[in-house]
PDB file of N, CA and C in Angstrom:
ATOM      1  N   MET A   1      -2.438  22.438  -4.853  1.00  0.00           N
ATOM      2  CA  MET A   1      -3.034  20.274  -4.113  1.00  0.00           C
ATOM      3  C   MET A   1      -1.568  20.655  -5.794  1.00  0.00           C
ATOM      4  N   VAL A   2      -1.377  21.041  -7.199  1.00  0.00           N
ATOM      5  CA  VAL A   2      -1.220  19.855  -8.127  1.00  0.00           C
ATOM      6  C   VAL A   2       0.788  20.065  -7.962  1.00  0.00           C
ATOM      7  N   ILE A   3       0.773  21.157  -6.982  1.00  0.00           N
ATOM      8  CA  ILE A   3       2.744  20.689  -6.432  1.00  0.00           C
ATOM      9  C   ILE A   3       2.713  19.676  -5.795  1.00  0.00           C
ATOM     10  N   GLU A   4       1.913  20.253  -4.969  1.00  0.00           N
ATOM     11  CA  GLU A   4       1.568  19.284  -3.244  1.00  0.00           C
ATOM     12  C   GLU A   4       1.713  17.177  -4.255  1.00  0.00           C
ATOM     13  N   MET A   5       0.990  17.637  -4.973  1.00  0.00           N
ATOM     14  CA  MET A   5       0.645  16.194  -5.337  1.00  0.00           C
ATOM     15  C   MET A   5       2.191  15.453  -5.958  1.00  0.00           C
ATOM     16  N   GLU A   6       2.622  16.448  -7.290  1.00  0.00           N
ATOM     17  CA  GLU A   6       4.025  16.026  -7.533  1.00  0.00           C
ATOM     18  C   GLU A   6       5.027  15.546  -6.836  1.00  0.00           C
ATOM     19  N   SER A   7       5.016  16.336  -5.563  1.00  0.00           N
ATOM     20  CA  SER A   7       5.591  16.111  -4.787  1.00  0.00           C
ATOM     21  C   SER A   7       5.610  15.109  -3.834  1.00  0.00           C
ATOM     22  N   ILE A   8       4.572  14.390  -3.487  1.00  0.00           N
ATOM     23  CA  ILE A   8       4.381  13.200  -2.797  1.00  0.00           C
ATOM     24  C   ILE A   8       4.513  12.423  -3.955  1.00  0.00           C
ATOM     25  N   SER A   9       4.199  12.236  -5.093  1.00  0.00           N
ATOM     26  CA  SER A   9       4.777  11.830  -5.981  1.00  0.00           C
ATOM     27  C   SER A   9       6.145  10.994  -6.186  1.00  0.00           C
ATOM     28  N   LEU A  10       6.757  12.044  -6.387  1.00  0.00           N
ATOM     29  CA  LEU A  10       8.206  11.780  -6.274  1.00  0.00           C
ATOM     30  C   LEU A  10       8.467  11.187  -4.832  1.00  0.00           C
ATOM     31  N   LEU A  11       8.212  11.556  -3.858  1.00  0.00           N
ATOM     32  CA  LEU A  11       8.215  10.909  -2.568  1.00  0.00           C
ATOM     33  C   LEU A  11       8.250   9.409  -2.915  1.00  0.00           C
ATOM     34  N   LEU A  12       7.273   9.227  -2.998  1.00  0.00           N
ATOM     35  CA  LEU A  12       6.463   7.775  -3.111  1.00  0.00           C
ATOM     36  C   LEU A  12       7.975   6.715  -4.350  1.00  0.00           C
ATOM     37  N   ASN A  13       7.577   7.619  -5.037  1.00  0.00           N
ATOM     38  CA  ASN A  13       8.284   7.090  -6.611  1.00  0.00           C
ATOM     39  C   ASN A  13      10.249   6.899  -5.621  1.00  0.00           C
ATOM     40  N   GLU A  14       9.979   7.902  -5.051  1.00  0.00           N
ATOM     41  CA  GLU A  14      12.085   7.380  -4.323  1.00  0.00           C
ATOM     42  C   GLU A  14      12.106   6.145  -3.210  1.00  0.00           C
ATOM     43  N   ALA A  15      10.950   6.448  -2.075  1.00  0.00           N
ATOM     44  CA  ALA A  15      10.666   5.330  -1.372  1.00  0.00           C
ATOM     45  C   ALA A  15       9.819   4.054  -2.256  1.00  0.00           C
ATOM     46  N   LEU A  16       9.589   3.399  -3.006  1.00  0.00           N
ATOM     47  CA  LEU A  16       9.180   2.441  -3.441  1.00  0.00           C
ATOM     48  C   LEU A  16       9.746   1.503  -5.234  1.00  0.00           C
ATOM     49  N   SER A  17      10.963   3.017  -5.494  1.00  0.00           N
ATOM     50  CA  SER A  17      11.913   1.888  -6.127  1.00  0.00           C
ATOM     51  C   SER A  17      12.961   0.906  -6.339  1.00  0.00           C
ATOM     52  N   PRO A  18      13.047  -0.078  -7.120  1.00  0.00           N
ATOM     53  CA  PRO A  18      12.287   0.766  -8.633  1.00  0.00           C
ATOM     54  C   PRO A  18      11.052   0.280  -9.006  1.00  0.00           C
ATOM     55  N   TYR A  19       9.914   0.686  -8.482  1.00  0.00           N
ATOM     56  CA  TYR A  19       8.705   0.396  -9.174  1.00  0.00           C
ATOM     57  C   TYR A  19       8.111   1.705  -9.459  1.00  0.00           C
ATOM     58  N   PRO A  20       7.893   2.112 -10.514  1.00  0.00           N
ATOM     59  CA  PRO A  20       7.155   3.522 -10.761  1.00  0.00           C
ATOM     60  C   PRO A  20       6.031   3.001  -9.662  1.00  0.00           C
ATOM     61  N   VAL A  21       5.374   4.370  -9.380  1.00  0.00           N
ATOM     62  CA  VAL A  21       4.209   4.837  -8.913  1.00  0.00           C
ATOM     63  C   VAL A  21       3.583   6.374  -9.778  1.00  0.00           C
ATOM     64  N   ILE A  22       2.414   5.431  -9.829  1.00  0.00           N
ATOM     65  CA  ILE A  22       1.634   6.297 -10.382  1.00  0.00           C
ATOM     66  C   ILE A  22       0.192   6.740  -9.612  1.00  0.00           C
ATOM     67  N   LEU A  23      -0.309   8.270  -8.891  1.00  0.00           N
ATOM     68  CA  LEU A  23      -1.041   9.017  -8.300  1.00  0.00           C
ATOM     69  C   LEU A  23      -2.171   9.890  -9.294  1.00  0.00           C
ATOM     70  N   THR A  24      -3.049   8.881  -9.730  1.00  0.00           N
ATOM     71  CA  THR A  24      -4.167   9.724 -10.065  1.00  0.00           C
ATOM     72  C   THR A  24      -5.208   9.568  -9.041  1.00  0.00           C
ATOM     73  N   PRO A  25      -6.502  11.541  -8.814  1.00  0.00           N
ATOM     74  CA  PRO A  25      -7.330  11.453  -8.216  1.00  0.00           C
ATOM     75  C   PRO A  25      -8.700  10.593  -8.259  1.00  0.00           C
ATOM     76  N   SER A  26      -9.491   9.953  -7.834  1.00  0.00           N
ATOM     77  CA  SER A  26     -10.024   9.312  -8.107  1.00  0.00           C
ATOM     78  C   SER A  26     -11.281   9.454  -6.785  1.00  0.00           C
ATOM     79  N   GLY A  27     -11.933  10.419  -6.196  1.00  0.00           N
ATOM     80  CA  GLY A  27     -12.726  10.324  -5.739  1.00  0.00           C
ATOM     81  C   GLY A  27     -12.805  12.272  -5.010  1.00  0.00           C
ATOM     82  N   HIS A  28     -14.422  12.966  -4.563  1.00  0.00           N
ATOM     83  CA  HIS A  28     -14.386  13.729  -4.420  1.00  0.00           C
ATOM     84  C   HIS A  28     -13.719  14.591  -3.153  1.00  0.00           C
ATOM     85  N   GLN A  29     -13.183  13.756  -1.808  1.00  0.00           N
ATOM     86  CA  GLN A  29     -13.124  14.284  -0.669  1.00  0.00           C
ATOM     87  C   GLN A  29     -11.542  14.348  -0.510  1.00  0.00           C
ATOM     88  N   GLY A  30     -10.907  14.132  -2.171  1.00  0.00           N
ATOM     89  CA  GLY A  30      -9.177  14.735  -2.224  1.00  0.00           C
ATOM     90  C   GLY A  30      -8.899  13.310  -2.130  1.00  0.00           C
ATOM     91  N   GLU A  31      -9.421  11.988  -2.410  1.00  0.00           N
ATOM     92  CA  GLU A  31      -9.071  10.596  -2.715  1.00  0.00           C
ATOM     93  C   GLU A  31      -8.312  10.593  -3.888  1.00  0.00           C
ATOM     94  N   CYS A  32      -6.920   9.414  -3.544  1.00  0.00           N
ATOM     95  CA  CYS A  32      -6.155   9.009  -4.991  1.00  0.00           C
ATOM     96  C   CYS A  32      -5.915   7.877  -4.765  1.00  0.00           C
ATOM     97  N   LEU A  33      -5.844   6.862  -6.397  1.00  0.00           N
ATOM     98  CA  LEU A  33      -6.125   6.083  -6.904  1.00  0.00           C
ATOM     99  C   LEU A  33      -4.390   5.976  -7.045  1.00  0.00           C
ATOM    100  N   LEU A  34      -3.365   4.944  -5.844  1.00  0.00           N
ATOM    101  CA  LEU A  34      -1.651   4.637  -5.873  1.00  0.00           C
ATOM    102  C   LEU A  34      -1.804   3.477  -6.661  1.00  0.00           C
ATOM    103  N   THR A  35      -0.845   3.126  -8.011  1.00  0.00           N
ATOM    104  CA  THR A  35      -0.599   1.856  -8.576  1.00  0.00           C
ATOM    105  C   THR A  35       0.878   1.910  -8.911  1.00  0.00           C
ATOM    106  N   VAL A  36       1.029   0.591  -7.851  1.00  0.00           N
ATOM    107  CA  VAL A  36       2.481   0.424  -8.052  1.00  0.00           C
ATOM    108  C   VAL A  36       2.762  -0.554  -9.429  1.00  0.00           C
ATOM    109  N   LYS A  37       3.110  -0.222 -10.113  1.00  0.00           N
ATOM    110  CA  LYS A  37       3.661  -1.316 -11.288  1.00  0.00           C
ATOM    111  C   LYS A  37       5.273  -1.812 -11.364  1.00  0.00           C
ATOM    112  N   ASN A  38       5.164  -3.020 -12.336  1.00  0.00           N
ATOM    113  CA  ASN A  38       6.433  -3.151 -12.544  1.00  0.00           C
ATOM    114  C   ASN A  38       6.857  -2.961 -13.582  1.00  0.00           C
ATOM    115  N   SER A  39       8.670  -3.257 -13.576  1.00  0.00           N
ATOM    116  CA  SER A  39       9.444  -2.710 -14.890  1.00  0.00           C
ATOM    117  C   SER A  39       8.429  -2.992 -16.144  1.00  0.00           C
ATOM    118  N   ALA A  40       7.605  -3.969 -16.137  1.00  0.00           N
ATOM    119  CA  ALA A  40       6.952  -3.985 -18.002  1.00  0.00           C
ATOM    120  C   ALA A  40       6.281  -3.087 -18.131  1.00  0.00           C
ATOM    121  N   GLY A  41       5.579  -3.003 -16.760  1.00  0.00           N
ATOM    122  CA  GLY A  41       4.303  -1.744 -16.983  1.00  0.00           C
ATOM    123  C   GLY A  41       2.931  -2.074 -16.603  1.00  0.00           C
ATOM    124  N   LEU A  42       3.494  -3.568 -16.099  1.00  0.00           N
ATOM    125  CA  LEU A  42       2.100  -4.490 -15.193  1.00  0.00           C
ATOM    126  C   LEU A  42       1.601  -4.161 -14.005  1.00  0.00           C
ATOM    127  N   THR A  43       0.400  -4.063 -13.598  1.00  0.00           N
ATOM    128  CA  THR A  43      -0.192  -3.538 -12.296  1.00  0.00           C
ATOM    129  C   THR A  43      -0.037  -3.905 -11.113  1.00  0.00           C
ATOM    130  N   LEU A  44       1.175  -4.048 -10.400  1.00  0.00           N
ATOM    131  CA  LEU A  44       1.122  -4.624  -9.159  1.00  0.00           C
ATOM    132  C   LEU A  44       0.507  -4.365  -8.268  1.00  0.00           C
ATOM    133  N   LEU A  45       0.234  -3.401  -7.534  1.00  0.00           N
ATOM    134  CA  LEU A  45      -0.514  -3.068  -6.328  1.00  0.00           C
ATOM    135  C   LEU A  45      -1.359  -1.936  -7.231  1.00  0.00           C
ATOM    136  N   ALA A  46      -2.496  -1.803  -6.306  1.00  0.00           N
ATOM    137  CA  ALA A  46      -3.702  -0.259  -6.642  1.00  0.00           C
ATOM    138  C   ALA A  46      -4.022  -0.434  -5.187  1.00  0.00           C
ATOM    139  N   ARG A  47      -3.992   1.274  -4.171  1.00  0.00           N
ATOM    140  CA  ARG A  47      -4.555   1.294  -3.354  1.00  0.00           C
ATOM    141  C   ARG A  47      -4.930   2.561  -3.470  1.00  0.00           C
ATOM    142  N   GLU A  48      -6.490   2.617  -3.085  1.00  0.00           N
ATOM    143  CA  GLU A  48      -7.166   4.248  -2.978  1.00  0.00           C
ATOM    144  C   GLU A  48      -6.108   4.662  -1.673  1.00  0.00           C
ATOM    145  N   VAL A  49      -5.974   5.999  -1.818  1.00  0.00           N
ATOM    146  CA  VAL A  49      -5.451   6.630  -0.603  1.00  0.00           C
ATOM    147  C   VAL A  49      -6.227   7.792  -0.061  1.00  0.00           C
ATOM    148  N   SER A  50      -6.467   7.947   1.214  1.00  0.00           N
ATOM    149  CA  SER A  50      -6.948   9.815   1.251  1.00  0.00           C
ATOM    150  C   SER A  50      -5.708  11.006   1.074  1.00  0.00           C
ATOM    151  N   HIS A  51      -6.418  12.040   1.419  1.00  0.00           N
ATOM    152  CA  HIS A  51      -5.908  13.481   1.052  1.00  0.00           C
ATOM    153  C   HIS A  51      -5.309  13.213   2.351  1.00  0.00           C
ATOM    154  N   ALA A  52      -5.592  12.873   3.850  1.00  0.00           N
ATOM    155  CA  ALA A  52      -4.766  12.546   5.167  1.00  0.00           C
ATOM    156  C   ALA A  52      -3.492  12.136   5.001  1.00  0.00           C
ATOM    157  N   GLN A  53      -3.725  10.513   4.646  1.00  0.00           N
ATOM    158  CA  GLN A  53      -3.150  10.050   3.794  1.00  0.00           C
ATOM    159  C   GLN A  53      -1.513  10.669   4.066  1.00  0.00           C
ATOM    160  N   LEU A  54      -2.044  11.121   2.844  1.00  0.00           N
ATOM    161  CA  LEU A  54      -1.035  11.778   2.047  1.00  0.00           C
ATOM    162  C   LEU A  54      -0.296  12.670   2.111  1.00  0.00           C
ATOM    163  N   ASN A  55      -1.082  13.888   3.062  1.00  0.00           N
ATOM    164  CA  ASN A  55      -0.106  14.422   3.376  1.00  0.00           C
ATOM    165  C   ASN A  55      -0.150  14.696   5.060  1.00  0.00           C
ATOM    166  N   ASP A  56       0.396  13.553   5.919  1.00  0.00           N
ATOM    167  CA  ASP A  56       0.267  13.247   7.241  1.00  0.00           C
ATOM    168  C   ASP A  56       1.697  12.494   7.014  1.00  0.00           C
ATOM    169  N   LYS A  57       3.294  12.875   7.318  1.00  0.00           N
ATOM    170  CA  LYS A  57       3.975  12.167   7.480  1.00  0.00           C
ATOM    171  C   LYS A  57       3.851  10.963   7.631  1.00  0.00           C
ATOM    172  N   ARG A  58       3.175  10.169   9.128  1.00  0.00           N
ATOM    173  CA  ARG A  58       3.585   9.638   9.816  1.00  0.00           C
ATOM    174  C   ARG A  58       2.045   8.377   8.836  1.00  0.00           C
ATOM    175  N   LEU A  59       0.983   8.677   8.396  1.00  0.00           N
ATOM    176  CA  LEU A  59       0.167   7.924   7.198  1.00  0.00           C
ATOM    177  C   LEU A  59       0.631   7.635   6.260  1.00  0.00           C
ATOM    178  N   LEU A  60       1.756   8.231   5.968  1.00  0.00           N
ATOM    179  CA  LEU A  60       2.007   8.264   4.435  1.00  0.00           C
ATOM    180  C   LEU A  60       3.369   7.336   4.763  1.00  0.00           C
ATOM    181  N   THR A  61       4.032   7.163   5.769  1.00  0.00           N
ATOM    182  CA  THR A  61       5.023   5.877   5.835  1.00  0.00           C
ATOM    183  C   THR A  61       4.543   5.056   6.420  1.00  0.00           C
ATOM    184  N   ASP A  62       2.993   4.588   6.724  1.00  0.00           N
ATOM    185  CA  ASP A  62       2.399   3.669   6.839  1.00  0.00           C
ATOM    186  C   ASP A  62       2.050   3.161   5.678  1.00  0.00           C
ATOM    187  N   VAL A  63       1.468   3.794   4.985  1.00  0.00           N
ATOM    188  CA  VAL A  63       1.351   3.455   3.608  1.00  0.00           C
ATOM    189  C   VAL A  63       2.162   2.764   2.393  1.00  0.00           C
ATOM    190  N   VAL A  64       2.919   3.377   2.540  1.00  0.00           N
ATOM    191  CA  VAL A  64       4.685   3.002   2.708  1.00  0.00           C
ATOM    192  C   VAL A  64       5.056   1.320   2.536  1.00  0.00           C
ATOM    193  N   ASP A  65       4.538   1.356   4.131  1.00  0.00           N
ATOM    194  CA  ASP A  65       5.353   0.134   4.727  1.00  0.00           C
ATOM    195  C   ASP A  65       4.301  -0.941   4.418  1.00  0.00           C
ATOM    196  N   GLY A  66       2.790  -0.932   4.201  1.00  0.00           N
ATOM    197  CA  GLY A  66       1.981  -1.949   4.003  1.00  0.00           C
ATOM    198  C   GLY A  66       2.069  -1.793   2.100  1.00  0.00           C
ATOM    199  N   LEU A  67       2.703  -0.989   1.381  1.00  0.00           N
ATOM    200  CA  LEU A  67       3.052  -0.827  -0.012  1.00  0.00           C
ATOM    201  C   LEU A  67       4.158  -2.758   0.318  1.00  0.00           C
ATOM    202  N   HIS A  68       5.108  -1.608   0.954  1.00  0.00           N
ATOM    203  CA  HIS A  68       6.444  -2.754   0.631  1.00  0.00           C
ATOM    204  C   HIS A  68       6.109  -4.311   1.041  1.00  0.00           C
ATOM    205  N   ARG A  69       5.421  -4.335   2.411  1.00  0.00           N
ATOM    206  CA  ARG A  69       4.974  -5.461   2.444  1.00  0.00           C
ATOM    207  C   ARG A  69       4.484  -6.263   1.481  1.00  0.00           C
ATOM    208  N   ASP A  70       3.017  -5.845   0.547  1.00  0.00           N
ATOM    209  CA  ASP A  70       2.308  -6.480   0.094  1.00  0.00           C
ATOM    210  C   ASP A  70       2.933  -7.006  -1.150  1.00  0.00           C
ATOM    211  N   LEU A  71       3.844  -5.520  -1.563  1.00  0.00           N
ATOM    212  CA  LEU A  71       4.727  -6.096  -3.183  1.00  0.00           C
ATOM    213  C   LEU A  71       5.404  -7.318  -2.877  1.00  0.00           C
ATOM    214  N   ARG A  72       6.162  -7.722  -1.524  1.00  0.00           N
ATOM    215  CA  ARG A  72       6.466  -8.993  -1.477  1.00  0.00           C
ATOM    216  C   ARG A  72       6.099 -10.309  -1.598  1.00  0.00           C
ATOM    217  N   ILE A  73       4.727  -9.749  -0.597  1.00  0.00           N
ATOM    218  CA  ILE A  73       4.318 -10.894  -1.288  1.00  0.00           C
ATOM    219  C   ILE A  73       3.290 -10.656  -2.263  1.00  0.00           C
ATOM    220  N   ALA A  74       3.315 -10.278  -3.581  1.00  0.00           N
ATOM    221  CA  ALA A  74       2.791 -10.072  -4.519  1.00  0.00           C
ATOM    222  C   ALA A  74       4.419 -11.090  -5.312  1.00  0.00           C
ATOM    223  N   GLU A  75       5.296 -10.572  -4.831  1.00  0.00           N
ATOM    224  CA  GLU A  75       6.195 -11.009  -5.754  1.00  0.00           C
ATOM    225  C   GLU A  75       6.900 -12.717  -5.361  1.00  0.00           C
ATOM    226  N   GLY A  76       6.489 -13.196  -4.109  1.00  0.00           N
ATOM    227  CA  GLY A  76       6.478 -14.091  -3.695  1.00  0.00           C
ATOM    228  C   GLY A  76       7.530 -14.682  -2.458  1.00  0.00           C
ATOM    229  N   ARG A  77       8.067 -12.990  -1.850  1.00  0.00           N
ATOM    230  CA  ARG A  77       8.668 -13.332  -1.007  1.00  0.00           C
ATOM    231  C   ARG A  77       8.713 -13.573   0.052  1.00  0.00           C
ATOM    232  N   LEU A  78       7.595 -12.666   0.251  1.00  0.00           N
ATOM    233  CA  LEU A  78       6.515 -13.455   1.321  1.00  0.00           C
ATOM    234  C   LEU A  78       5.793 -13.464   1.520  1.00  0.00           C
ATOM    235  N   GLU A  79       5.436 -14.755   2.686  1.00  0.00           N
ATOM    236  CA  GLU A  79       4.550 -15.721   2.499  1.00  0.00           C
ATOM    237  C   GLU A  79       2.858 -14.644   3.352  1.00  0.00           C
ATOM    238  N   PRO A  80       1.918 -14.251   3.342  1.00  0.00           N
ATOM    239  CA  PRO A  80       0.975 -13.899   4.129  1.00  0.00           C
ATOM    240  C   PRO A  80       0.747 -14.710   5.727  1.00  0.00           C
ATOM    241  N   CYS A  81       1.212 -16.388   5.659  1.00  0.00           N
ATOM    242  CA  CYS A  81       1.216 -17.314   6.735  1.00  0.00           C
ATOM    243  C   CYS A  81       2.253 -16.337   8.066  1.00  0.00           C
ATOM    244  N   VAL A  82       3.102 -16.180   7.527  1.00  0.00           N
ATOM    245  CA  VAL A  82       4.641 -15.587   7.836  1.00  0.00           C
ATOM    246  C   VAL A  82       4.346 -14.345   8.211  1.00  0.00           C
ATOM    247  N   ILE A  83       3.424 -13.605   7.537  1.00  0.00           N
ATOM    248  CA  ILE A  83       2.980 -11.866   8.437  1.00  0.00           C
ATOM    249  C   ILE A  83       2.184 -12.698   8.955  1.00  0.00           C
ATOM    250  N   ALA A  84       1.340 -13.758   9.464  1.00  0.00           N
ATOM    251  CA  ALA A  84       0.476 -13.321  10.611  1.00  0.00           C
ATOM    252  C   ALA A  84       0.784 -14.501  11.370  1.00  0.00           C
ATOM    253  N   ALA A  85       2.213 -14.763  11.713  1.00  0.00           N
ATOM    254  CA  ALA A  85       2.966 -15.338  12.466  1.00  0.00           C
ATOM    255  C   ALA A  85       3.684 -14.453  13.324  1.00  0.00           C
ATOM    256  N   LEU A  86       4.127 -13.365  12.142  1.00  0.00           N
ATOM    257  CA  LEU A  86       4.816 -12.445  13.205  1.00  0.00           C
ATOM    258  C   LEU A  86       3.884 -10.887  13.814  1.00  0.00           C
ATOM    259  N   ARG A  87       2.770 -10.896  13.130  1.00  0.00           N
ATOM    260  CA  ARG A  87       1.381 -10.664  14.352  1.00  0.00           C
ATOM    261  C   ARG A  87       1.476 -11.009  15.735  1.00  0.00           C
ATOM    262  N   HIS A  88       1.272 -12.037  15.383  1.00  0.00           N
ATOM    263  CA  HIS A  88       0.592 -12.839  17.252  1.00  0.00           C
ATOM    264  C   HIS A  88       2.304 -13.014  17.670  1.00  0.00           C
ATOM    265  N   ALA A  89       3.085 -12.867  17.385  1.00  0.00           N
ATOM    266  CA  ALA A  89       4.988 -13.372  18.051  1.00  0.00           C
ATOM    267  C   ALA A  89       4.607 -11.519  18.668  1.00  0.00           C
ATOM    268  N   ALA A  90       4.069 -10.352  17.640  1.00  0.00           N
ATOM    269  CA  ALA A  90       4.338  -8.994  18.204  1.00  0.00           C
ATOM    270  C   ALA A  90       3.349  -8.394  19.201  1.00  0.00           C
ATOM    271  N   GLN A  91       1.827  -9.375  18.842  1.00  0.00           N
ATOM    272  CA  GLN A  91       0.795  -9.329  20.110  1.00  0.00           C
ATOM    273  C   GLN A  91       0.963  -9.905  21.099  1.00  0.00           C
ATOM    274  N   ASP A  92       1.596 -11.013  20.790  1.00  0.00           N
ATOM    275  CA  ASP A  92       2.349 -11.700  22.693  1.00  0.00           C
ATOM    276  C   ASP A  92       3.223 -11.031  23.164  1.00  0.00           C
ATOM    277  N   LYS A  93       4.196 -10.215  22.612  1.00  0.00           N
ATOM    278  CA  LYS A  93       5.355  -9.510  22.963  1.00  0.00           C
ATOM    279  C   LYS A  93       4.880  -8.190  24.136  1.00  0.00           C
ATOM    280  N   MET A  94       3.738  -7.842  23.218  1.00  0.00           N
ATOM    281  CA  MET A  94       3.114  -6.222  23.797  1.00  0.00           C
ATOM    282  C   MET A  94       2.348  -6.971  25.227  1.00  0.00           C
ATOM    283  N   PHE A  95       1.372  -7.705  25.168  1.00  0.00           N
ATOM    284  CA  PHE A  95       1.040  -8.483  26.471  1.00  0.00           C
ATOM    285  C   PHE A  95       1.679  -8.523  27.130  1.00  0.00           C
ATOM    286  N   ARG A  96       2.680  -9.310  27.587  1.00  0.00           N
ATOM    287  CA  ARG A  96       3.655  -9.696  28.090  1.00  0.00           C
ATOM    288  C   ARG A  96       4.578  -8.457  28.988  1.00  0.00           C
ATOM    289  N   SER A  97       4.966  -7.673  28.105  1.00  0.00           N
ATOM    290  CA  SER A  97       5.741  -6.590  28.459  1.00  0.00           C
ATOM    291  C   SER A  97       3.853  -5.257  29.042  1.00  0.00           C
ATOM    292  N   ALA A  98       3.084  -5.412  28.951  1.00  0.00           N
ATOM    293  CA  ALA A  98       1.514  -5.040  30.111  1.00  0.00           C
ATOM    294  C   ALA A  98       1.504  -5.707  31.109  1.00  0.00           C
ATOM    295  N   GLY A  99       1.766  -6.654  31.361  1.00  0.00           N
ATOM    296  CA  GLY A  99       1.614  -7.234  32.642  1.00  0.00           C
ATOM    297  C   GLY A  99       0.104  -8.111  31.805  1.00  0.00           C
ATOM    298  N   VAL A 100      -0.316  -8.321  30.979  1.00  0.00           N
ATOM    299  CA  VAL A 100      -1.668  -9.491  30.778  1.00  0.00           C
ATOM    300  C   VAL A 100      -1.407 -10.758  30.793  1.00  0.00           C
TER     301      VAL A 100
END
């Protein structure tokens, strides 16, 4: 699993560049603490992710997408109310296309 973890760490660092990402084991079931830092070394985000999230391409993509969103919020580039409005608009569109 060490080689696997190294390659996942490299993928995460590439996906979240320029932010350094650190993965450290944190649980008995293969969970890891995923920490994203800024250029000064301060922690911007910390999330516990499961082994399944790290090994399934779709789940890992979801994790990265969520981290991108959370980084934009943390940096003040995206307001939480904008996210709520976007989600609401997407749900309305989904309901309309389903004929609800």
